[in-house]
Amino acid sequence: MSKPTLVIGNKNYSSWSLRPWLFLRHHNMEFTEKRVSLFVDTTEQALAEYDSDYKVPVLKDGDLVVWDSLSILEYISEAYLDGGGWPVEREARSVARSVSAEMHSSYFNLRNELPMNCRKSFKNIALSRQAQRETERVKALWRRCRREYGREGEWLFGDFTIADAMFAPVAIRFSGYGIPLQGVEAKYVQSVLGHAGMIEWIEAAGEETEIIEADEIQT
């Protein structure tokens, strides 16, 4: 059986690409990585064959093409992990799906004002009131998940789940932009950044030379 291929964007900037990549790495799954430079003249040509509206990530598994981070994570969980990407217990599983969906569909101000940038660190970033509210919402969700479902492990629901993959880029953002963290949320970010897959991703991002100006904030 051939290995699936994961098509990703620039590691320094592409938070959506990081999510399934980290999930695959965590589960020691073999896959072929195809990296496409984003927002250059060759991007659309490189992505045209996947019918993903020229977006990454894309997972190609045999003849099947799956796009969108959360859809890819769900597919990996079902096809390769017998549903093990989610918590076993129904209540925890439902909450994990809810927080993952919220991460997928929300936090527009946080994304825009704190774009993922693995190569840089910032201090004294002035956030809008809306972005501040969103950062506090994320931290509150982390505290709740750890308190109610994750006491027996270092991840949001104890074991590493799709929810952790979805929030991994936020850990990079909070660390890189110096967002104040305390207690549970600080320890959680340490766990995410200490993951072997995250270390590998961030090191590779540091070796990239492309610059996407739209994701480079000015301080």
Foldseek 3Di string as FASTA:
>chain_A
DDAKEKEEEQLQFGLLSQLVLVVCVVVVGDYHYHYDYPPDPCQCVVCVVQPPVSDDTWIGDPPDIDGTSVRSQCCCCVVPVVNVQADPDPVRRVLLVVLLVCLRPDLPQLCQQQGGGLQAAAEDRDGDPSNVVVVVVVLVLQVVQCVPACVCALESRVDRHSSCSSCLSVLRRCGRHVPDDDDSVVSSSVVSCPPPSNVVSSVSSNPDDDDDPSRDDDD
